[in-house]
Amino acid sequence: MEDESYNPWSVVHLVFEHLADAGLHPVLGATGHPGEPAAELLRCLGIRPDPQGDQRLAEQTDAKLAELRDAFFGES
């Protein structure tokens, strides 16, 4: 069986809609970035989150590249 891909936020949204329809009011990431709690929800559902969609990784990569540019070229 081939791996299927899902937009992880679509899955999280679907779960939250279902909970809201049941009268519950879930909060995701109330203590910070919602990425890790959302990823944990997906893992609990048997879905492997794809880290490519994690904005934090992109921001970390950009910061590291800026640091390297500064080290090599003296740019800020």
C-alpha atoms as a PDB file:
ATOM      1  CA  MET A   1       0.000   0.000   0.000  1.00  0.00           C
ATOM      2  CA  GLU A   2       1.370   3.420  -0.943  1.00  0.00           C
ATOM      3  CA  ASP A   3       1.710   6.148   1.628  1.00  0.00           C
ATOM      4  CA  GLU A   4      -0.999   8.742   1.262  1.00  0.00           C
ATOM      5  CA  SER A   5      -0.236  12.345   1.986  1.00  0.00           C
ATOM      6  CA  TYR A   6      -2.505  14.681   3.880  1.00  0.00           C
ATOM      7  CA  ASN A   7      -2.325  18.327   4.688  1.00  0.00           C
ATOM      8  CA  PRO A   8      -1.811  17.960   8.455  1.00  0.00           C
ATOM      9  CA  TRP A   9      -3.694  21.157   9.232  1.00  0.00           C
ATOM     10  CA  SER A  10      -6.724  19.835   7.349  1.00  0.00           C
ATOM     11  CA  VAL A  11      -6.750  16.769   9.589  1.00  0.00           C
ATOM     12  CA  VAL A  12      -6.324  18.876  12.744  1.00  0.00           C
ATOM     13  CA  HIS A  13      -9.095  21.214  11.565  1.00  0.00           C
ATOM     14  CA  LEU A  14     -11.420  18.259  10.930  1.00  0.00           C
ATOM     15  CA  VAL A  15     -10.826  16.897  14.435  1.00  0.00           C
ATOM     16  CA  PHE A  16     -11.410  20.323  15.982  1.00  0.00           C
ATOM     17  CA  GLU A  17     -14.606  20.831  13.987  1.00  0.00           C
ATOM     18  CA  HIS A  18     -15.885  17.472  15.216  1.00  0.00           C
ATOM     19  CA  LEU A  19     -15.046  18.366  18.836  1.00  0.00           C
ATOM     20  CA  ALA A  20     -16.697  21.797  18.494  1.00  0.00           C
ATOM     21  CA  ASP A  21     -19.822  20.187  17.008  1.00  0.00           C
ATOM     22  CA  ALA A  22     -19.914  17.963  20.103  1.00  0.00           C
ATOM     23  CA  GLY A  23     -19.965  21.093  22.293  1.00  0.00           C
ATOM     24  CA  LEU A  24     -16.302  20.978  23.273  1.00  0.00           C
ATOM     25  CA  HIS A  25     -13.941  23.903  22.870  1.00  0.00           C
ATOM     26  CA  PRO A  26     -10.439  22.526  22.274  1.00  0.00           C
ATOM     27  CA  VAL A  27      -7.405  24.794  22.379  1.00  0.00           C
ATOM     28  CA  LEU A  28      -4.229  23.890  20.562  1.00  0.00           C
ATOM     29  CA  GLY A  29      -0.965  25.538  21.419  1.00  0.00           C
ATOM     30  CA  ALA A  30      -2.318  27.708  24.207  1.00  0.00           C
ATOM     31  CA  THR A  31       1.115  27.609  25.796  1.00  0.00           C
ATOM     32  CA  GLY A  32       3.101  28.360  22.640  1.00  0.00           C
ATOM     33  CA  HIS A  33       3.497  27.297  19.023  1.00  0.00           C
ATOM     34  CA  PRO A  34       0.714  24.862  18.023  1.00  0.00           C
ATOM     35  CA  GLY A  35       2.987  22.798  15.760  1.00  0.00           C
ATOM     36  CA  GLU A  36       4.113  20.198  18.276  1.00  0.00           C
ATOM     37  CA  PRO A  37       0.664  19.618  19.864  1.00  0.00           C
ATOM     38  CA  ALA A  38      -0.782  19.296  16.335  1.00  0.00           C
ATOM     39  CA  ALA A  39       1.947  16.839  15.371  1.00  0.00           C
ATOM     40  CA  GLU A  40       1.224  14.791  18.503  1.00  0.00           C
ATOM     41  CA  LEU A  41      -2.494  14.726  17.638  1.00  0.00           C
ATOM     42  CA  LEU A  42      -1.630  13.427  14.174  1.00  0.00           C
ATOM     43  CA  ARG A  43       0.688  10.753  15.608  1.00  0.00           C
ATOM     44  CA  CYS A  44      -2.133   9.636  17.938  1.00  0.00           C
ATOM     45  CA  LEU A  45      -4.308   9.210  14.845  1.00  0.00           C
ATOM     46  CA  GLY A  46      -1.615   7.111  13.175  1.00  0.00           C
ATOM     47  CA  ILE A  47      -0.565   9.874  10.766  1.00  0.00           C
ATOM     48  CA  ARG A  48       3.112  10.654  10.415  1.00  0.00           C
ATOM     49  CA  PRO A  49       3.518  14.451  10.289  1.00  0.00           C
ATOM     50  CA  ASP A  50       5.719  15.803   7.517  1.00  0.00           C
ATOM     51  CA  PRO A  51       8.305  18.186   8.946  1.00  0.00           C
ATOM     52  CA  GLN A  52       8.551  20.055   5.624  1.00  0.00           C
ATOM     53  CA  GLY A  53       5.415  21.982   6.519  1.00  0.00           C
ATOM     54  CA  ASP A  54       6.770  23.101   9.894  1.00  0.00           C
ATOM     55  CA  GLN A  55       7.370  26.859   9.711  1.00  0.00           C
ATOM     56  CA  ARG A  56       9.710  26.647  12.701  1.00  0.00           C
ATOM     57  CA  LEU A  57      12.135  24.506  10.681  1.00  0.00           C
ATOM     58  CA  ALA A  58      12.127  27.052   7.850  1.00  0.00           C
ATOM     59  CA  GLU A  59      12.790  29.867  10.335  1.00  0.00           C
ATOM     60  CA  GLN A  60      15.648  27.909  11.940  1.00  0.00           C
ATOM     61  CA  THR A  61      17.149  27.248   8.506  1.00  0.00           C
ATOM     62  CA  ASP A  62      16.895  30.924   7.558  1.00  0.00           C
ATOM     63  CA  ALA A  63      18.558  31.950  10.830  1.00  0.00           C
ATOM     64  CA  LYS A  64      21.382  29.452  10.335  1.00  0.00           C
ATOM     65  CA  LEU A  65      21.946  30.623   6.756  1.00  0.00           C
ATOM     66  CA  ALA A  66      22.057  34.259   7.921  1.00  0.00           C
ATOM     67  CA  GLU A  67      24.600  33.264  10.574  1.00  0.00           C
ATOM     68  CA  LEU A  68      26.763  31.497   7.966  1.00  0.00           C
ATOM     69  CA  ARG A  69      26.545  34.453   5.551  1.00  0.00           C
ATOM     70  CA  ASP A  70      27.632  36.760   8.335  1.00  0.00           C
ATOM     71  CA  ALA A  71      30.536  34.467   9.252  1.00  0.00           C
ATOM     72  CA  PHE A  72      31.769  34.176   5.665  1.00  0.00           C
ATOM     73  CA  PHE A  73      30.910  37.546   4.167  1.00  0.00           C
ATOM     74  CA  GLY A  74      30.429  39.843   7.168  1.00  0.00           C
ATOM     75  CA  GLU A  75      26.848  40.609   6.140  1.00  0.00           C
ATOM     76  CA  SER A  76      24.058  41.183   8.606  1.00  0.00           C
END
